[in-house]
């Protein structure tokens, strides 16, 4: 994936943290870092939600030859407010998501993941990011004790990219 808004967000906020460090603003540093980590996590997970949904819409558009009736139905009944149901966020694989596209797709994608340790690692990073987002949003955002550093969250984001690219390549072959 190219340079994204998540990369920019990470870089700009790291610069802010360094600025605060240089000026010995310790309490502002702690507050900014705490808020930044939560914002980064939510932003990365939301970014991937948008990307996955966009891929699914494009897949249906291609297979329905751009039929606006099918695309509208998909958006309103299968995608809108449904993303959280696509994955078993606490699980260790993407089989629930893969099964949405049928048994053959699930079997093929599952085999791909088993044969590719990098992809398997990316699936785990993606699911961890999504699960942590779920906890952050539903377990009192303001008081949620996010244990990961900004760097660890950013690494989960970067690690998840291969999975999203895989989904795109699998559903939208060129």
N, C-alpha and C. Protein backbone atom coordinates (compact mmCIF):
# COMPACT_ATOMS: atom_id res chain seq x y z
N UNK A 1 0.84 -1.18 0.00
CA UNK A 1 0.00 0.00 0.00
C UNK A 1 0.88 1.24 0.00
N UNK A 2 0.41 2.26 -0.65
CA UNK A 2 1.19 3.50 -0.66
C UNK A 2 1.13 4.21 0.69
N UNK A 3 1.87 5.29 0.77
CA UNK A 3 1.86 6.15 1.95
C UNK A 3 0.42 6.59 2.19
N UNK A 4 -0.05 6.45 3.43
CA UNK A 4 -1.46 6.73 3.73
C UNK A 4 -1.59 7.81 4.80
N UNK A 5 -2.82 8.16 5.06
CA UNK A 5 -3.13 9.11 6.13
C UNK A 5 -2.64 8.59 7.48
N UNK A 6 -2.60 7.27 7.65
CA UNK A 6 -2.13 6.68 8.90
C UNK A 6 -0.64 6.95 9.07
N UNK A 7 0.11 6.80 8.00
CA UNK A 7 1.55 7.11 8.05
C UNK A 7 1.76 8.57 8.43
N UNK A 8 0.98 9.45 7.80
CA UNK A 8 1.12 10.89 8.08
C UNK A 8 0.74 11.20 9.53
N UNK A 9 -0.35 10.62 9.99
CA UNK A 9 -0.79 10.82 11.37
C UNK A 9 0.30 10.38 12.35
N UNK A 10 0.88 9.22 12.08
CA UNK A 10 1.95 8.70 12.95
C UNK A 10 3.14 9.66 12.97
N UNK A 11 3.59 10.08 11.81
CA UNK A 11 4.76 10.96 11.72
C UNK A 11 4.51 12.31 12.39
N UNK A 12 3.35 12.90 12.14
CA UNK A 12 3.06 14.21 12.72
C UNK A 12 2.97 14.14 14.24
N UNK A 13 2.37 13.10 14.75
CA UNK A 13 2.25 12.99 16.20
C UNK A 13 3.56 12.61 16.86
N UNK A 14 4.39 11.84 16.19
CA UNK A 14 5.72 11.57 16.73
C UNK A 14 6.52 12.87 16.81
N UNK A 15 6.36 13.73 15.80
CA UNK A 15 7.05 15.02 15.82
C UNK A 15 6.55 15.87 17.00
N UNK A 16 5.26 15.83 17.27
CA UNK A 16 4.71 16.56 18.41
C UNK A 16 5.30 16.04 19.72
N UNK A 17 5.38 14.75 19.86
CA UNK A 17 5.94 14.14 21.08
C UNK A 17 7.40 14.57 21.25
N UNK A 18 8.17 14.54 20.17
CA UNK A 18 9.57 14.96 20.25
C UNK A 18 9.68 16.45 20.60
N UNK A 19 8.78 17.26 20.04
CA UNK A 19 8.74 18.69 20.36
C UNK A 19 8.51 18.89 21.86
N UNK A 20 7.55 18.16 22.41
CA UNK A 20 7.27 18.27 23.84
C UNK A 20 8.45 17.78 24.68
N UNK A 21 9.10 16.72 24.23
CA UNK A 21 10.30 16.22 24.93
C UNK A 21 11.40 17.27 24.94
N UNK A 22 11.64 17.88 23.79
CA UNK A 22 12.69 18.89 23.68
C UNK A 22 12.45 20.06 24.63
N UNK A 23 11.21 20.36 24.93
CA UNK A 23 10.87 21.47 25.80
C UNK A 23 10.60 21.02 27.24
N UNK A 24 10.93 19.76 27.51
CA UNK A 24 10.79 19.20 28.86
C UNK A 24 9.36 19.32 29.40
N UNK A 25 8.39 19.15 28.52
CA UNK A 25 6.96 19.20 28.88
C UNK A 25 6.48 17.77 29.16
N UNK A 26 6.92 17.21 30.26
CA UNK A 26 6.68 15.81 30.57
C UNK A 26 5.20 15.47 30.70
N UNK A 27 4.45 16.26 31.44
CA UNK A 27 3.03 15.91 31.62
C UNK A 27 2.26 16.09 30.32
N UNK A 28 2.59 17.10 29.52
CA UNK A 28 1.95 17.24 28.21
C UNK A 28 2.34 16.08 27.29
N UNK A 29 3.58 15.65 27.39
CA UNK A 29 4.05 14.50 26.61
C UNK A 29 3.21 13.27 26.94
N UNK A 30 3.04 12.99 28.22
CA UNK A 30 2.30 11.81 28.66
C UNK A 30 0.86 11.88 28.17
N UNK A 31 0.23 13.02 28.30
CA UNK A 31 -1.15 13.20 27.87
C UNK A 31 -1.28 13.07 26.35
N UNK A 32 -0.40 13.74 25.63
CA UNK A 32 -0.44 13.68 24.17
C UNK A 32 -0.19 12.26 23.67
N UNK A 33 0.76 11.57 24.29
CA UNK A 33 1.07 10.20 23.87
C UNK A 33 -0.10 9.26 24.14
N UNK A 34 -0.73 9.40 25.28
CA UNK A 34 -1.87 8.56 25.62
C UNK A 34 -3.02 8.76 24.62
N UNK A 35 -3.32 10.01 24.34
CA UNK A 35 -4.38 10.30 23.38
C UNK A 35 -3.99 9.87 21.98
N UNK A 36 -2.76 10.11 21.61
CA UNK A 36 -2.29 9.75 20.28
C UNK A 36 -2.39 8.25 20.03
N UNK A 37 -2.01 7.44 21.01
CA UNK A 37 -2.07 5.99 20.83
C UNK A 37 -3.49 5.53 20.55
N UNK A 38 -4.44 6.08 21.26
CA UNK A 38 -5.85 5.71 21.05
C UNK A 38 -6.33 6.17 19.68
N UNK A 39 -5.97 7.39 19.32
CA UNK A 39 -6.38 7.93 18.02
C UNK A 39 -5.73 7.13 16.89
N UNK A 40 -4.48 6.78 17.04
CA UNK A 40 -3.79 5.99 16.03
C UNK A 40 -4.45 4.63 15.85
N UNK A 41 -4.76 3.98 16.95
CA UNK A 41 -5.40 2.67 16.88
C UNK A 41 -6.76 2.77 16.19
N UNK A 42 -7.59 3.70 16.61
CA UNK A 42 -8.90 3.87 15.97
C UNK A 42 -8.77 4.24 14.50
N UNK A 43 -7.84 5.10 14.20
CA UNK A 43 -7.65 5.54 12.82
C UNK A 43 -7.20 4.39 11.92
N UNK A 44 -6.26 3.60 12.39
CA UNK A 44 -5.77 2.48 11.59
C UNK A 44 -6.88 1.45 11.37
N UNK A 45 -7.60 1.10 12.42
CA UNK A 45 -8.68 0.12 12.29
C UNK A 45 -9.78 0.65 11.38
N UNK A 46 -10.13 1.92 11.50
CA UNK A 46 -11.16 2.53 10.65
C UNK A 46 -10.70 2.58 9.20
N UNK A 47 -9.44 2.87 9.01
CA UNK A 47 -8.87 2.90 7.65
C UNK A 47 -9.04 1.53 6.99
N UNK A 48 -8.70 0.47 7.72
CA UNK A 48 -8.83 -0.87 7.15
C UNK A 48 -10.29 -1.25 6.92
N UNK A 49 -11.18 -0.82 7.81
CA UNK A 49 -12.61 -1.07 7.60
C UNK A 49 -13.04 -0.45 6.27
N UNK A 50 -12.64 0.78 6.06
CA UNK A 50 -12.98 1.46 4.80
C UNK A 50 -12.40 0.71 3.60
N UNK A 51 -11.16 0.30 3.69
CA UNK A 51 -10.51 -0.39 2.57
C UNK A 51 -11.17 -1.75 2.27
N UNK A 52 -11.45 -2.53 3.30
CA UNK A 52 -12.08 -3.84 3.10
C UNK A 52 -13.47 -3.65 2.49
N UNK A 53 -14.25 -2.73 3.02
CA UNK A 53 -15.58 -2.47 2.48
C UNK A 53 -15.51 -2.03 1.02
N UNK A 54 -14.54 -1.18 0.70
CA UNK A 54 -14.36 -0.70 -0.67
C UNK A 54 -14.03 -1.87 -1.62
N UNK A 55 -13.20 -2.78 -1.16
CA UNK A 55 -12.84 -3.95 -1.97
C UNK A 55 -14.07 -4.81 -2.23
N UNK A 56 -14.87 -5.03 -1.21
CA UNK A 56 -16.07 -5.86 -1.37
C UNK A 56 -17.04 -5.21 -2.35
N UNK A 57 -17.25 -3.91 -2.22
CA UNK A 57 -18.15 -3.21 -3.15
C UNK A 57 -17.63 -3.32 -4.57
N UNK A 58 -16.33 -3.14 -4.75
CA UNK A 58 -15.75 -3.25 -6.10
C UNK A 58 -15.90 -4.67 -6.65
N UNK A 59 -15.73 -5.66 -5.81
CA UNK A 59 -15.89 -7.05 -6.24
C UNK A 59 -17.31 -7.29 -6.74
N UNK A 60 -18.29 -6.88 -5.98
CA UNK A 60 -19.69 -7.04 -6.39
C UNK A 60 -19.98 -6.22 -7.64
N UNK A 61 -19.43 -5.03 -7.70
CA UNK A 61 -19.63 -4.20 -8.89
C UNK A 61 -19.10 -4.89 -10.14
N UNK A 62 -17.93 -5.47 -10.05
CA UNK A 62 -17.37 -6.18 -11.19
C UNK A 62 -18.23 -7.38 -11.60
N UNK A 63 -18.64 -8.16 -10.62
CA UNK A 63 -19.41 -9.37 -10.92
C UNK A 63 -20.84 -9.08 -11.36
N UNK A 64 -21.36 -7.91 -10.97
CA UNK A 64 -22.72 -7.55 -11.38
C UNK A 64 -22.69 -6.56 -12.55
N UNK A 65 -21.50 -6.36 -13.11
CA UNK A 65 -21.30 -5.43 -14.22
C UNK A 65 -21.78 -4.02 -13.87
N UNK A 66 -21.50 -3.62 -12.63
CA UNK A 66 -21.82 -2.28 -12.18
C UNK A 66 -23.29 -2.03 -11.92
N UNK A 67 -24.05 -3.09 -11.74
CA UNK A 67 -25.49 -2.97 -11.53
C UNK A 67 -25.77 -2.15 -10.26
N UNK A 68 -26.35 -0.95 -10.40
CA UNK A 68 -26.56 -0.09 -9.24
C UNK A 68 -27.53 -0.69 -8.22
N UNK A 69 -28.46 -1.51 -8.66
CA UNK A 69 -29.40 -2.16 -7.75
C UNK A 69 -28.63 -3.12 -6.82
N UNK A 70 -27.74 -3.91 -7.37
CA UNK A 70 -26.97 -4.86 -6.58
C UNK A 70 -26.01 -4.14 -5.64
N UNK A 71 -25.40 -3.10 -6.13
CA UNK A 71 -24.45 -2.35 -5.31
C UNK A 71 -25.17 -1.66 -4.15
N UNK A 72 -26.32 -1.09 -4.42
CA UNK A 72 -27.10 -0.45 -3.37
C UNK A 72 -27.55 -1.46 -2.33
N UNK A 73 -28.04 -2.61 -2.78
CA UNK A 73 -28.46 -3.66 -1.86
C UNK A 73 -27.28 -4.10 -0.98
N UNK A 74 -26.14 -4.32 -1.61
CA UNK A 74 -24.96 -4.73 -0.86
C UNK A 74 -24.60 -3.70 0.20
N UNK A 75 -24.54 -2.45 -0.19
CA UNK A 75 -24.14 -1.40 0.76
C UNK A 75 -25.12 -1.29 1.92
N UNK A 76 -26.42 -1.33 1.61
CA UNK A 76 -27.43 -1.10 2.64
C UNK A 76 -27.69 -2.30 3.54
N UNK A 77 -27.55 -3.51 3.03
CA UNK A 77 -27.91 -4.68 3.82
C UNK A 77 -26.74 -5.59 4.19
N UNK A 78 -25.63 -5.46 3.51
CA UNK A 78 -24.51 -6.36 3.80
C UNK A 78 -23.28 -5.65 4.36
N UNK A 79 -23.16 -4.37 4.11
CA UNK A 79 -21.94 -3.67 4.54
C UNK A 79 -22.21 -2.65 5.64
N UNK A 80 -23.20 -1.80 5.44
CA UNK A 80 -23.48 -0.73 6.39
C UNK A 80 -23.69 -1.30 7.79
N UNK A 81 -22.85 -0.90 8.70
CA UNK A 81 -22.89 -1.32 10.11
C UNK A 81 -22.73 -2.83 10.31
N UNK A 82 -22.09 -3.49 9.38
CA UNK A 82 -21.92 -4.94 9.47
C UNK A 82 -20.46 -5.37 9.57
N UNK A 83 -19.55 -4.47 9.33
CA UNK A 83 -18.13 -4.83 9.28
C UNK A 83 -17.69 -5.61 10.50
N UNK A 84 -18.13 -5.19 11.67
CA UNK A 84 -17.71 -5.88 12.90
C UNK A 84 -18.11 -7.35 12.91
N UNK A 85 -19.09 -7.74 12.09
CA UNK A 85 -19.53 -9.14 12.04
C UNK A 85 -18.74 -9.97 11.03
N UNK A 86 -17.92 -9.35 10.22
CA UNK A 86 -17.18 -10.07 9.18
C UNK A 86 -16.08 -10.97 9.74
N UNK A 87 -15.57 -10.62 10.92
CA UNK A 87 -14.41 -11.30 11.47
C UNK A 87 -14.68 -11.83 12.87
N UNK A 88 -13.98 -12.88 13.22
CA UNK A 88 -13.93 -13.35 14.61
C UNK A 88 -12.72 -12.64 15.21
N UNK A 89 -12.96 -11.46 15.77
CA UNK A 89 -11.88 -10.58 16.20
C UNK A 89 -10.98 -11.20 17.25
N UNK A 90 -11.52 -12.05 18.07
CA UNK A 90 -10.71 -12.69 19.11
C UNK A 90 -10.03 -13.95 18.60
N UNK A 91 -10.35 -14.36 17.39
CA UNK A 91 -9.78 -15.57 16.81
C UNK A 91 -8.37 -15.35 16.30
N UNK A 92 -7.83 -16.42 15.77
CA UNK A 92 -6.45 -16.35 15.27
C UNK A 92 -6.38 -16.53 13.76
N UNK A 93 -7.55 -16.53 13.11
CA UNK A 93 -7.55 -16.66 11.66
C UNK A 93 -8.70 -15.86 11.06
N UNK A 94 -8.70 -15.76 9.74
CA UNK A 94 -9.72 -14.97 9.03
C UNK A 94 -10.76 -15.87 8.37
N UNK A 95 -10.91 -17.08 8.86
CA UNK A 95 -11.83 -18.03 8.23
C UNK A 95 -13.27 -17.54 8.18
N UNK A 96 -13.73 -16.87 9.22
CA UNK A 96 -15.09 -16.34 9.22
C UNK A 96 -15.27 -15.38 8.05
N UNK A 97 -14.30 -14.50 7.85
CA UNK A 97 -14.36 -13.56 6.72
C UNK A 97 -14.29 -14.30 5.39
N UNK A 98 -13.34 -15.20 5.27
CA UNK A 98 -13.19 -15.94 4.02
C UNK A 98 -14.46 -16.71 3.67
N UNK A 99 -15.14 -17.25 4.68
CA UNK A 99 -16.33 -18.06 4.42
C UNK A 99 -17.49 -17.23 3.88
N UNK A 100 -17.45 -15.91 4.03
CA UNK A 100 -18.49 -15.06 3.46
C UNK A 100 -18.55 -15.17 1.95
N UNK A 101 -17.47 -15.62 1.35
CA UNK A 101 -17.38 -15.70 -0.11
C UNK A 101 -17.51 -17.13 -0.63
N UNK A 102 -17.94 -18.03 0.24
CA UNK A 102 -18.19 -19.41 -0.16
C UNK A 102 -17.10 -20.36 0.29
N UNK A 103 -17.44 -21.63 0.25
CA UNK A 103 -16.53 -22.68 0.72
C UNK A 103 -15.25 -22.76 -0.10
N UNK A 104 -15.37 -22.69 -1.41
CA UNK A 104 -14.17 -22.77 -2.26
C UNK A 104 -13.21 -21.62 -1.97
N UNK A 105 -13.75 -20.43 -1.83
CA UNK A 105 -12.91 -19.27 -1.53
C UNK A 105 -12.25 -19.44 -0.17
N UNK A 106 -13.05 -19.86 0.82
CA UNK A 106 -12.52 -20.06 2.18
C UNK A 106 -11.39 -21.08 2.18
N UNK A 107 -11.59 -22.19 1.49
CA UNK A 107 -10.57 -23.24 1.44
C UNK A 107 -9.31 -22.74 0.74
N UNK A 108 -9.48 -22.04 -0.36
CA UNK A 108 -8.34 -21.53 -1.11
C UNK A 108 -7.57 -20.49 -0.30
N UNK A 109 -8.30 -19.56 0.30
CA UNK A 109 -7.64 -18.52 1.10
C UNK A 109 -6.98 -19.12 2.34
N UNK A 110 -7.66 -20.07 2.97
CA UNK A 110 -7.08 -20.73 4.14
C UNK A 110 -5.78 -21.44 3.80
N UNK A 111 -5.75 -22.08 2.64
CA UNK A 111 -4.53 -22.75 2.18
C UNK A 111 -3.43 -21.73 1.91
N UNK A 112 -3.80 -20.61 1.32
CA UNK A 112 -2.81 -19.55 1.05
C UNK A 112 -2.18 -19.07 2.36
N UNK A 113 -3.00 -18.87 3.37
CA UNK A 113 -2.50 -18.38 4.66
C UNK A 113 -1.58 -19.42 5.29
N UNK A 114 -1.98 -20.70 5.22
CA UNK A 114 -1.15 -21.76 5.80
C UNK A 114 0.21 -21.87 5.10
N UNK A 115 0.23 -21.61 3.82
CA UNK A 115 1.47 -21.74 3.04
C UNK A 115 2.35 -20.50 3.12
N UNK A 116 1.82 -19.41 3.64
CA UNK A 116 2.57 -18.16 3.64
C UNK A 116 2.65 -17.60 5.07
N UNK A 117 3.75 -17.85 5.76
CA UNK A 117 3.88 -17.38 7.15
C UNK A 117 3.75 -15.86 7.29
N UNK A 118 4.19 -15.12 6.29
CA UNK A 118 4.07 -13.66 6.33
C UNK A 118 2.61 -13.24 6.31
N UNK A 119 1.83 -13.91 5.47
CA UNK A 119 0.39 -13.62 5.40
C UNK A 119 -0.29 -14.03 6.70
N UNK A 120 0.08 -15.16 7.25
CA UNK A 120 -0.50 -15.59 8.52
C UNK A 120 -0.21 -14.58 9.63
N UNK A 121 0.99 -14.06 9.64
CA UNK A 121 1.37 -13.05 10.63
C UNK A 121 0.56 -11.77 10.41
N UNK A 122 0.32 -11.42 9.16
CA UNK A 122 -0.45 -10.24 8.83
C UNK A 122 -1.91 -10.39 9.28
N UNK A 123 -2.47 -11.58 9.10
CA UNK A 123 -3.84 -11.85 9.55
C UNK A 123 -3.93 -11.62 11.06
N UNK A 124 -2.97 -12.15 11.79
CA UNK A 124 -2.96 -12.00 13.25
C UNK A 124 -2.85 -10.52 13.66
N UNK A 125 -2.00 -9.77 12.97
CA UNK A 125 -1.85 -8.34 13.26
C UNK A 125 -3.17 -7.61 12.99
N UNK A 126 -3.79 -7.92 11.88
CA UNK A 126 -5.06 -7.31 11.50
C UNK A 126 -6.14 -7.59 12.55
N UNK A 127 -6.24 -8.84 12.96
CA UNK A 127 -7.25 -9.22 13.95
C UNK A 127 -6.96 -8.59 15.31
N UNK A 128 -5.70 -8.50 15.68
CA UNK A 128 -5.35 -7.87 16.96
C UNK A 128 -5.71 -6.39 16.94
N UNK A 129 -5.41 -5.74 15.84
CA UNK A 129 -5.76 -4.32 15.70
C UNK A 129 -7.28 -4.14 15.81
N UNK A 130 -8.03 -4.97 15.10
CA UNK A 130 -9.49 -4.87 15.14
C UNK A 130 -10.06 -5.20 16.51
N UNK A 131 -9.52 -6.20 17.16
CA UNK A 131 -10.00 -6.58 18.49
C UNK A 131 -9.71 -5.48 19.51
N UNK A 132 -8.52 -4.92 19.44
CA UNK A 132 -8.16 -3.85 20.37
C UNK A 132 -9.03 -2.62 20.12
N UNK A 133 -9.34 -2.33 18.86
CA UNK A 133 -10.26 -1.24 18.55
C UNK A 133 -11.62 -1.49 19.19
N UNK A 134 -12.11 -2.71 19.07
CA UNK A 134 -13.40 -3.07 19.66
C UNK A 134 -13.38 -2.81 21.18
N UNK A 135 -12.33 -3.28 21.83
CA UNK A 135 -12.22 -3.10 23.28
C UNK A 135 -12.14 -1.61 23.63
N UNK A 136 -11.35 -0.87 22.90
CA UNK A 136 -11.18 0.55 23.16
C UNK A 136 -12.51 1.29 23.07
N UNK A 137 -13.28 0.99 22.04
CA UNK A 137 -14.55 1.67 21.82
C UNK A 137 -15.62 1.24 22.82
N UNK A 138 -15.64 -0.03 23.17
CA UNK A 138 -16.73 -0.56 23.99
C UNK A 138 -16.41 -0.69 25.48
N UNK A 139 -15.17 -0.45 25.85
CA UNK A 139 -14.80 -0.58 27.27
C UNK A 139 -14.32 0.76 27.84
N UNK A 140 -15.09 1.81 27.59
CA UNK A 140 -14.83 3.13 28.14
C UNK A 140 -13.56 3.75 27.57
N UNK A 141 -13.68 4.29 26.39
CA UNK A 141 -12.58 4.88 25.65
C UNK A 141 -11.68 5.75 26.52
N UNK A 142 -12.27 6.66 27.28
CA UNK A 142 -11.48 7.63 28.06
C UNK A 142 -10.60 6.95 29.11
N UNK A 143 -11.09 5.84 29.68
CA UNK A 143 -10.33 5.17 30.73
C UNK A 143 -9.67 3.87 30.28
N UNK A 144 -9.82 3.51 29.02
CA UNK A 144 -9.27 2.24 28.56
C UNK A 144 -7.75 2.24 28.71
N UNK A 145 -7.21 1.24 29.38
CA UNK A 145 -5.75 1.19 29.61
C UNK A 145 -5.02 0.55 28.41
N UNK A 146 -4.85 1.32 27.36
CA UNK A 146 -4.17 0.83 26.16
C UNK A 146 -2.70 0.59 26.49
N UNK A 147 -2.30 -0.67 26.47
CA UNK A 147 -0.95 -1.04 26.90
C UNK A 147 0.11 -0.89 25.79
N UNK A 148 -0.32 -0.84 24.57
CA UNK A 148 0.63 -0.78 23.46
C UNK A 148 1.18 0.63 23.28
N UNK A 149 2.44 0.68 22.88
CA UNK A 149 3.05 1.96 22.54
C UNK A 149 2.58 2.38 21.15
N UNK A 150 2.81 3.63 20.82
CA UNK A 150 2.47 4.12 19.49
C UNK A 150 3.23 3.31 18.43
N UNK A 151 4.47 2.98 18.73
CA UNK A 151 5.27 2.21 17.78
C UNK A 151 4.69 0.81 17.57
N UNK A 152 4.22 0.20 18.64
CA UNK A 152 3.62 -1.14 18.52
C UNK A 152 2.32 -1.08 17.72
N UNK A 153 1.54 -0.06 17.93
CA UNK A 153 0.29 0.10 17.18
C UNK A 153 0.60 0.33 15.71
N UNK A 154 1.57 1.17 15.45
CA UNK A 154 1.97 1.44 14.06
C UNK A 154 2.51 0.18 13.39
N UNK A 155 3.22 -0.63 14.13
CA UNK A 155 3.72 -1.90 13.58
C UNK A 155 2.56 -2.85 13.28
N UNK A 156 1.53 -2.87 14.12
CA UNK A 156 0.34 -3.68 13.82
C UNK A 156 -0.31 -3.19 12.53
N UNK A 157 -0.39 -1.88 12.39
CA UNK A 157 -0.94 -1.30 11.16
C UNK A 157 -0.12 -1.75 9.94
N UNK A 158 1.18 -1.56 10.02
CA UNK A 158 2.03 -1.95 8.88
C UNK A 158 1.97 -3.45 8.64
N UNK A 159 1.90 -4.24 9.72
CA UNK A 159 1.81 -5.68 9.59
C UNK A 159 0.49 -6.13 8.98
N UNK A 160 -0.55 -5.36 9.16
CA UNK A 160 -1.88 -5.70 8.63
C UNK A 160 -2.02 -5.45 7.13
N UNK A 161 -1.18 -4.60 6.61
CA UNK A 161 -1.30 -4.19 5.21
C UNK A 161 -1.26 -5.39 4.26
N UNK A 162 -0.40 -6.35 4.51
CA UNK A 162 -0.29 -7.51 3.61
C UNK A 162 -1.62 -8.26 3.52
N UNK A 163 -2.32 -8.38 4.64
CA UNK A 163 -3.61 -9.07 4.62
C UNK A 163 -4.61 -8.30 3.74
N UNK A 164 -4.69 -7.00 3.91
CA UNK A 164 -5.63 -6.19 3.12
C UNK A 164 -5.27 -6.26 1.64
N UNK A 165 -3.99 -6.21 1.33
CA UNK A 165 -3.55 -6.35 -0.06
C UNK A 165 -3.91 -7.74 -0.60
N UNK A 166 -3.76 -8.76 0.23
CA UNK A 166 -4.12 -10.11 -0.16
C UNK A 166 -5.61 -10.19 -0.50
N UNK A 167 -6.45 -9.63 0.37
CA UNK A 167 -7.90 -9.64 0.12
C UNK A 167 -8.20 -8.94 -1.20
N UNK A 168 -7.55 -7.82 -1.42
CA UNK A 168 -7.77 -7.08 -2.67
C UNK A 168 -7.36 -7.93 -3.88
N UNK A 169 -6.19 -8.54 -3.81
CA UNK A 169 -5.72 -9.35 -4.93
C UNK A 169 -6.60 -10.59 -5.15
N UNK A 170 -7.09 -11.16 -4.07
CA UNK A 170 -7.91 -12.37 -4.15
C UNK A 170 -9.30 -12.07 -4.71
N UNK A 171 -9.89 -10.96 -4.26
CA UNK A 171 -11.25 -10.62 -4.71
C UNK A 171 -11.27 -9.80 -5.99
N UNK A 172 -10.18 -9.12 -6.27
CA UNK A 172 -10.13 -8.25 -7.45
C UNK A 172 -8.91 -8.59 -8.32
N UNK A 173 -8.83 -9.81 -8.80
CA UNK A 173 -7.66 -10.16 -9.62
C UNK A 173 -7.60 -9.29 -10.88
N UNK A 174 -6.40 -8.97 -11.27
CA UNK A 174 -6.24 -8.12 -12.47
C UNK A 174 -6.18 -8.94 -13.72
